[in-house]
Amino acid sequence: MEVQRPAASLLGVEIDLPRLAEGVALDEVTLVVHMKAVVDGMVLELGHIPGHVDDGHCEASLNGPAVASPPVDDEDLLDALGAAADAVSAALGRLSDWGPAGTRPGQYRSDLVADEAAVDVLGAAGLGVLSEESGLMDDDRGVLVVLDPLDGSTNAAHGIPWFATSLCAVDEGGPRVALVVDQARGVRFHAIRGGGARRDGGEMRPSRRRELGDAVVALSGWPGRHLGWRQYRVLGAAALDLCAVAGGVVDAYLECDGDSLGPWDYLAGALICREAGAAVADAEGRDLVVLTHEARRTPVAAATPELLRALTRSRWEGHTTAPGSRPEASERKTS
């Protein structure tokens, strides 16, 4: 059989070899075949140039596009997360209106633009996604990325430079690779399960603070009373707040509003904390690894297990300071 046009029929499927000259018989060239399993079928890629077949020619012989195989190497997976964060950065750079989207309370135009950019990249990489903005997609794939495309979007809309893209790749063993990108400053925090945590390539370590009375605590919300810290900060982006604990910028982090954070808010930051050597838990002792859009938790993180226990206990029991020991008002300010 000869190819008389760019596309021809072979074994009942349509093949396309646009760079093969017309009039050349198929038995005169070497055909390289690459096969990969997809849902309910098989994709065969045919090419006449060795090395150009692996995902290079693919027009699937099934209905719909071929599904890429998810990255299996940790570094490749981290690269895929980084590409999604880069796509968010590029999309935000083209955005002129970062204000409310008018869709649901608390959702901004920047959230939607960032989500579309990240999900497109992650889906093309063969990864499932659980996103705050668009929900659960392709959860039958081997790796699920828990995504907050723009954590701290209220900060971003108001020009406060504390907002990030948070991504945590989860496999059957739990959180595996985490990336948090500070989109205001371009700083990158990442962790690989069993491989430590890094900030722009440099090793991260928490402060080792043990006493609550000496600690600077980042809060989400307000607990309604002073819990015994030395100072506190309310910064507005949980992923970055957790990275601040991992890097020793603050000593602890506390979610004060009960079950108000979804897994996209904290899973990446929690893995970074743990790999850096900090302690992380749910305030009520539950598993933090939940992979549904409805799930909410109350994460607490601290530089040491002792500080974590003290902060959690103070949250539940209240705090009574000895006379003269309560910090002055100037020390309790949020900034």
Protein backbone atom coordinates (compact mmCIF):
# COMPACT_ATOMS: atom_id res chain seq x y z
CA MET A 1 0.00 0.00 0.00
CA GLU A 2 1.22 3.50 -0.79
CA VAL A 3 0.43 6.79 0.90
CA GLN A 4 -1.26 8.90 -1.75
CA ARG A 5 -2.24 11.61 0.72
CA PRO A 6 -1.07 12.57 4.20
CA ALA A 7 -3.65 10.31 5.88
CA ALA A 8 -4.33 6.69 4.96
CA SER A 9 -6.16 3.71 6.40
CA LEU A 10 -4.20 0.86 7.99
CA LEU A 11 -5.66 -2.05 9.95
CA GLY A 12 -8.98 -0.28 10.17
CA VAL A 13 -7.64 2.92 11.74
CA GLU A 14 -6.79 6.27 10.22
CA ILE A 15 -3.10 7.12 10.33
CA ASP A 16 -1.47 10.45 9.58
CA LEU A 17 2.15 10.74 8.45
CA PRO A 18 2.29 14.30 7.13
CA ARG A 19 6.07 14.32 6.64
CA LEU A 20 6.15 11.14 4.51
CA ALA A 21 6.40 11.96 0.84
CA GLU A 22 3.48 10.99 -1.37
CA GLY A 23 3.98 7.90 -3.50
CA VAL A 24 6.24 6.17 -0.95
CA ALA A 25 5.11 2.64 -0.10
CA LEU A 26 4.68 1.85 3.58
CA ASP A 27 6.83 -1.28 3.16
CA GLU A 28 9.70 0.94 2.07
CA VAL A 29 10.01 2.73 5.41
CA THR A 30 10.42 1.68 9.00
CA LEU A 31 7.32 2.25 11.09
CA VAL A 32 7.91 2.78 14.80
CA VAL A 33 4.93 1.90 16.98
CA HIS A 34 4.37 3.30 20.48
CA MET A 35 1.43 1.95 22.49
CA LYS A 36 -0.03 3.17 25.75
CA ALA A 37 -3.12 2.17 27.67
CA VAL A 38 -5.96 4.62 28.10
CA VAL A 39 -9.40 4.24 29.59
CA ASP A 40 -11.38 1.53 27.73
CA GLY A 41 -8.90 1.12 24.90
CA MET A 42 -5.42 1.47 23.48
CA VAL A 43 -3.70 4.28 21.62
CA LEU A 44 -1.19 3.34 18.91
CA GLU A 45 1.16 6.03 17.66
CA LEU A 46 2.72 5.40 14.24
CA GLY A 47 5.68 7.30 12.88
CA HIS A 48 8.36 6.89 10.24
CA ILE A 49 11.08 8.85 12.06
CA PRO A 50 12.64 6.99 15.05
CA GLY A 51 12.57 9.11 18.20
CA HIS A 52 9.64 11.19 16.99
CA VAL A 53 6.97 8.75 18.08
CA ASP A 54 6.79 9.06 21.86
CA ASP A 55 3.78 11.38 22.16
CA GLY A 56 5.02 13.36 19.16
CA HIS A 57 2.62 12.40 16.34
CA CYS A 58 -0.40 11.41 18.33
CA GLU A 59 -3.80 11.67 16.80
CA ALA A 60 -5.64 9.06 18.84
CA SER A 61 -7.42 6.26 17.02
CA LEU A 62 -10.09 6.48 19.70
CA ASN A 63 -12.75 9.10 20.20
CA GLY A 64 -11.29 12.08 22.06
CA PRO A 65 -7.70 13.11 22.69
CA ALA A 66 -5.04 10.79 24.05
CA VAL A 67 -4.36 10.98 27.77
CA ALA A 68 -0.77 11.65 28.74
CA SER A 69 0.82 9.30 31.23
CA PRO A 70 1.34 11.02 34.60
CA PRO A 71 4.94 11.73 35.62
CA VAL A 72 6.36 8.89 37.71
CA ASP A 73 9.61 10.51 38.83
CA ASP A 74 9.45 12.97 41.74
CA GLU A 75 11.47 15.60 39.90
CA ASP A 76 9.31 15.27 36.80
CA LEU A 77 6.24 15.63 38.97
CA LEU A 78 7.71 18.74 40.58
CA ASP A 79 8.40 20.12 37.09
CA ALA A 80 4.75 19.57 36.16
CA LEU A 81 3.61 21.45 39.27
CA GLY A 82 6.06 24.22 38.44
CA ALA A 83 4.73 24.49 34.91
CA ALA A 84 1.21 24.91 36.30
CA ALA A 85 2.39 27.67 38.66
CA ASP A 86 4.20 29.37 35.76
CA ALA A 87 0.99 29.26 33.72
CA VAL A 88 -0.84 30.94 36.61
CA SER A 89 1.79 33.66 36.77
CA ALA A 90 1.52 34.31 33.03
CA ALA A 91 -2.29 34.40 33.17
CA LEU A 92 -2.30 36.82 36.09
CA GLY A 93 0.18 39.01 34.26
CA ARG A 94 -2.39 39.50 31.49
CA LEU A 95 -5.27 40.20 33.88
CA SER A 96 -6.44 43.79 34.31
CA ASP A 97 -9.37 43.24 36.70
CA TRP A 98 -8.57 41.21 39.82
CA GLY A 99 -11.86 42.04 41.54
CA PRO A 100 -14.89 39.92 42.51
CA ALA A 101 -16.11 37.57 39.80
CA GLY A 102 -19.78 37.89 40.72
CA THR A 103 -20.11 34.11 40.84
CA ARG A 104 -20.06 33.18 44.52
CA PRO A 105 -18.99 35.07 47.65
CA GLY A 106 -15.23 35.32 47.98
CA GLN A 107 -14.44 34.28 44.40
CA TYR A 108 -12.41 36.70 42.31
CA ARG A 109 -11.69 37.00 38.62
CA SER A 110 -8.09 36.20 39.46
CA ASP A 111 -9.21 32.88 41.01
CA LEU A 112 -10.97 31.82 37.82
CA VAL A 113 -8.18 32.88 35.48
CA ALA A 114 -5.55 31.18 37.64
CA ASP A 115 -7.62 28.02 37.91
CA GLU A 116 -8.12 27.65 34.16
CA ALA A 117 -4.41 28.12 33.52
CA ALA A 118 -3.29 25.58 36.14
CA VAL A 119 -5.91 22.94 35.37
CA ASP A 120 -5.07 22.97 31.66
CA VAL A 121 -1.41 22.25 32.38
CA LEU A 122 -2.07 19.58 35.01
CA GLY A 123 -4.65 17.80 32.87
CA ALA A 124 -2.31 17.74 29.88
CA ALA A 125 0.35 16.19 32.12
CA GLY A 126 -1.96 13.27 32.91
CA LEU A 127 -2.71 14.35 36.48
CA GLY A 128 -6.02 14.40 38.29
CA VAL A 129 -7.03 17.63 40.01
CA LEU A 130 -8.95 18.64 43.11
CA SER A 131 -9.26 22.42 42.84
CA GLU A 132 -10.90 24.88 45.17
CA GLU A 133 -12.41 26.68 42.20
CA SER A 134 -13.44 23.91 39.79
CA GLY A 135 -13.73 20.80 41.95
CA LEU A 136 -12.63 17.22 41.30
CA MET A 137 -11.47 16.10 37.85
CA ASP A 138 -9.94 12.84 36.60
CA ASP A 139 -9.65 11.30 40.05
CA ASP A 140 -9.05 7.88 38.45
CA ARG A 141 -5.53 8.88 37.45
CA GLY A 142 -2.58 7.68 39.51
CA VAL A 143 -1.71 11.08 40.99
CA LEU A 144 -4.17 13.73 42.18
CA VAL A 145 -3.01 17.34 42.53
CA VAL A 146 -4.79 19.29 45.26
CA LEU A 147 -4.79 22.84 43.94
CA ASP A 148 -5.44 26.32 45.25
CA PRO A 149 -4.70 28.36 42.13
CA LEU A 150 -4.61 31.62 44.09
CA ASP A 151 -4.45 31.35 47.87
CA GLY A 152 -4.90 34.82 49.32
CA SER A 153 -6.93 36.21 46.44
CA THR A 154 -8.42 38.92 48.68
CA ASN A 155 -4.88 40.09 49.41
CA ALA A 156 -4.14 40.02 45.70
CA ALA A 157 -7.25 42.03 44.82
CA HIS A 158 -6.26 44.68 47.36
CA GLY A 159 -2.63 44.84 46.32
CA ILE A 160 -1.29 43.13 49.46
CA PRO A 161 1.76 41.10 48.35
CA TRP A 162 0.97 37.86 50.22
CA PHE A 163 -0.70 35.41 47.82
CA ALA A 164 0.38 32.15 46.26
CA THR A 165 -0.34 29.14 44.09
CA SER A 166 -0.44 25.98 46.18
CA LEU A 167 -0.15 22.48 44.69
CA CYS A 168 0.18 19.12 46.43
CA ALA A 169 0.49 15.90 44.43
CA VAL A 170 -1.07 12.97 46.30
CA ASP A 171 -0.68 9.30 45.44
CA GLU A 172 -1.67 6.08 47.20
CA GLY A 173 0.96 6.80 49.85
CA GLY A 174 -0.40 10.26 50.67
CA PRO A 175 1.10 13.70 49.95
CA ARG A 176 4.13 13.13 47.73
CA VAL A 177 5.31 16.40 46.18
CA ALA A 178 4.35 19.93 47.24
CA LEU A 179 4.97 23.30 45.65
CA VAL A 180 3.92 26.71 46.94
CA VAL A 181 4.84 29.67 44.75
CA ASP A 182 4.69 33.16 46.22
CA GLN A 183 3.22 34.88 43.18
CA ALA A 184 3.97 38.38 44.50
CA ARG A 185 7.72 37.79 45.00
CA GLY A 186 8.44 34.77 42.82
CA VAL A 187 9.75 32.71 45.77
CA ARG A 188 9.27 28.93 45.52
CA PHE A 189 8.86 26.50 48.39
CA HIS A 190 8.80 22.78 47.68
CA ALA A 191 9.02 19.43 49.40
CA ILE A 192 9.33 15.82 48.27
CA ARG A 193 8.16 13.06 50.59
CA GLY A 194 11.22 11.79 52.43
CA GLY A 195 13.44 14.35 50.69
CA GLY A 196 13.25 17.48 52.84
CA ALA A 197 11.92 20.97 52.11
CA ARG A 198 13.52 23.83 50.21
CA ARG A 199 13.05 27.53 49.59
CA ASP A 200 14.45 28.53 46.19
CA GLY A 201 16.78 25.55 46.45
CA GLY A 202 18.01 26.29 49.97
CA GLU A 203 17.22 24.00 52.90
CA MET A 204 14.36 25.03 55.20
CA ARG A 205 14.33 24.67 58.98
CA PRO A 206 11.78 25.83 61.60
CA SER A 207 12.73 27.99 64.58
CA ARG A 208 12.75 25.22 67.25
CA ARG A 209 10.68 27.43 69.58
CA ARG A 210 9.09 25.40 72.41
CA GLU A 211 7.41 27.93 74.71
CA LEU A 212 4.16 29.56 73.62
CA GLY A 213 4.97 32.67 75.63
CA ASP A 214 8.03 33.24 73.43
CA ALA A 215 6.34 32.51 70.12
CA VAL A 216 5.22 34.63 67.17
CA VAL A 217 2.05 32.97 65.86
CA ALA A 218 0.40 33.44 62.46
CA LEU A 219 -3.38 33.30 62.70
CA SER A 220 -6.17 32.64 60.26
CA GLY A 221 -9.16 34.41 61.77
CA TRP A 222 -9.24 35.42 65.42
CA PRO A 223 -9.62 33.11 68.45
CA GLY A 224 -11.59 35.64 70.49
CA ARG A 225 -8.98 35.90 73.22
CA HIS A 226 -5.26 36.07 73.81
CA LEU A 227 -3.87 32.52 73.88
CA GLY A 228 -0.52 33.25 75.45
CA TRP A 229 1.68 34.05 72.46
CA ARG A 230 4.32 36.77 72.53
CA GLN A 231 3.07 38.30 69.27
CA TYR A 232 0.71 37.36 66.46
CA ARG A 233 0.22 38.12 62.78
CA VAL A 234 -2.87 37.70 60.58
CA LEU A 235 -1.47 37.47 57.06
CA GLY A 236 -4.27 36.01 54.91
CA ALA A 237 -2.80 33.12 52.90
CA ALA A 238 -2.61 29.78 54.71
CA ALA A 239 -0.17 28.15 52.28
CA LEU A 240 2.38 30.92 52.73
CA ASP A 241 1.74 31.07 56.48
CA LEU A 242 2.61 27.37 56.76
CA CYS A 243 5.75 27.88 54.69
CA ALA A 244 6.67 30.67 57.10
CA VAL A 245 6.52 28.13 59.94
CA ALA A 246 8.65 25.67 57.95
CA GLY A 247 11.28 28.34 57.32
CA GLY A 248 11.40 29.79 60.83
CA VAL A 249 9.86 33.14 59.86
CA VAL A 250 7.09 32.59 62.44
CA ASP A 251 6.99 29.96 65.15
CA ALA A 252 3.47 28.60 64.70
CA TYR A 253 0.24 28.80 62.71
CA LEU A 254 -3.32 28.43 63.98
CA GLU A 255 -6.65 28.28 62.14
CA CYS A 256 -9.07 29.98 64.52
CA ASP A 257 -12.43 29.73 62.73
CA GLY A 258 -13.08 26.02 63.20
CA ASP A 259 -13.43 23.81 60.15
CA SER A 260 -13.00 26.49 57.52
CA LEU A 261 -10.00 25.38 55.45
CA GLY A 262 -10.18 22.99 52.51
CA PRO A 263 -7.32 20.59 51.72
CA TRP A 264 -6.09 22.92 48.94
CA ASP A 265 -5.40 25.55 51.61
CA TYR A 266 -3.04 23.48 53.71
CA LEU A 267 -1.89 20.15 52.18
CA ALA A 268 1.10 21.57 50.28
CA GLY A 269 2.16 23.73 53.21
CA ALA A 270 1.70 20.84 55.63
CA LEU A 271 4.04 18.57 53.63
CA ILE A 272 6.60 21.38 53.43
CA CYS A 273 6.35 21.85 57.21
CA ARG A 274 6.78 18.16 57.93
CA GLU A 275 9.71 17.72 55.58
CA ALA A 276 11.37 20.78 57.15
CA GLY A 277 10.97 19.26 60.61
CA ALA A 278 7.97 21.20 61.93
CA ALA A 279 4.91 19.59 63.55
CA VAL A 280 1.47 19.72 61.89
CA ALA A 281 -1.91 18.38 63.02
CA ASP A 282 -5.63 18.94 62.89
CA ALA A 283 -6.80 20.71 66.06
CA GLU A 284 -9.34 17.93 66.64
CA GLY A 285 -6.98 15.06 65.92
CA ARG A 286 -8.38 14.05 62.52
CA ASP A 287 -6.49 13.06 59.39
CA LEU A 288 -5.56 16.14 57.38
CA VAL A 289 -5.40 14.18 54.11
CA VAL A 290 -8.95 14.43 52.79
CA LEU A 291 -9.65 14.47 49.06
CA THR A 292 -13.21 15.71 48.65
CA HIS A 293 -14.37 19.20 47.82
CA GLU A 294 -16.67 19.31 50.84
CA ALA A 295 -14.03 18.37 53.46
CA ARG A 296 -12.84 21.01 55.92
CA ARG A 297 -10.23 20.88 58.68
CA THR A 298 -8.61 23.04 61.38
CA PRO A 299 -4.84 22.81 60.85
CA VAL A 300 -2.28 23.80 63.47
CA ALA A 301 1.47 23.92 62.79
CA ALA A 302 4.40 24.71 65.04
CA ALA A 303 8.17 24.64 65.06
CA THR A 304 8.24 21.83 67.63
CA PRO A 305 5.84 19.20 69.02
CA GLU A 306 5.99 20.95 72.41
CA LEU A 307 4.82 24.24 70.92
CA LEU A 308 2.13 22.46 68.91
CA ARG A 309 0.74 20.84 72.06
CA ALA A 310 0.84 24.12 73.99
CA LEU A 311 -0.96 26.05 71.25
CA THR A 312 -3.61 23.37 70.74
CA ARG A 313 -4.21 23.06 74.48
CA SER A 314 -4.50 26.84 74.86
CA ARG A 315 -6.98 26.96 71.98
CA TRP A 316 -9.23 24.46 73.74
CA GLU A 317 -8.79 25.49 77.36
CA GLY A 318 -8.40 29.23 77.12
CA HIS A 319 -5.47 31.08 78.58
CA THR A 320 -5.02 32.91 81.85
CA THR A 321 -1.87 34.95 82.23
CA ALA A 322 -0.21 35.75 85.49
CA PRO A 323 -0.36 39.38 86.63
CA GLY A 324 2.07 41.48 84.64
CA SER A 325 2.87 38.68 82.17
CA ARG A 326 0.40 39.58 79.41
CA PRO A 327 2.20 41.28 76.49
CA GLU A 328 1.69 44.97 76.05
CA ALA A 329 -0.86 46.07 73.46
CA SER A 330 1.91 47.19 71.10
CA GLU A 331 3.26 43.63 71.09
CA ARG A 332 -0.16 42.12 70.32
CA LYS A 333 -0.75 44.11 67.16
CA THR A 334 -1.12 42.21 63.91
CA SER A 335 1.59 44.12 62.12
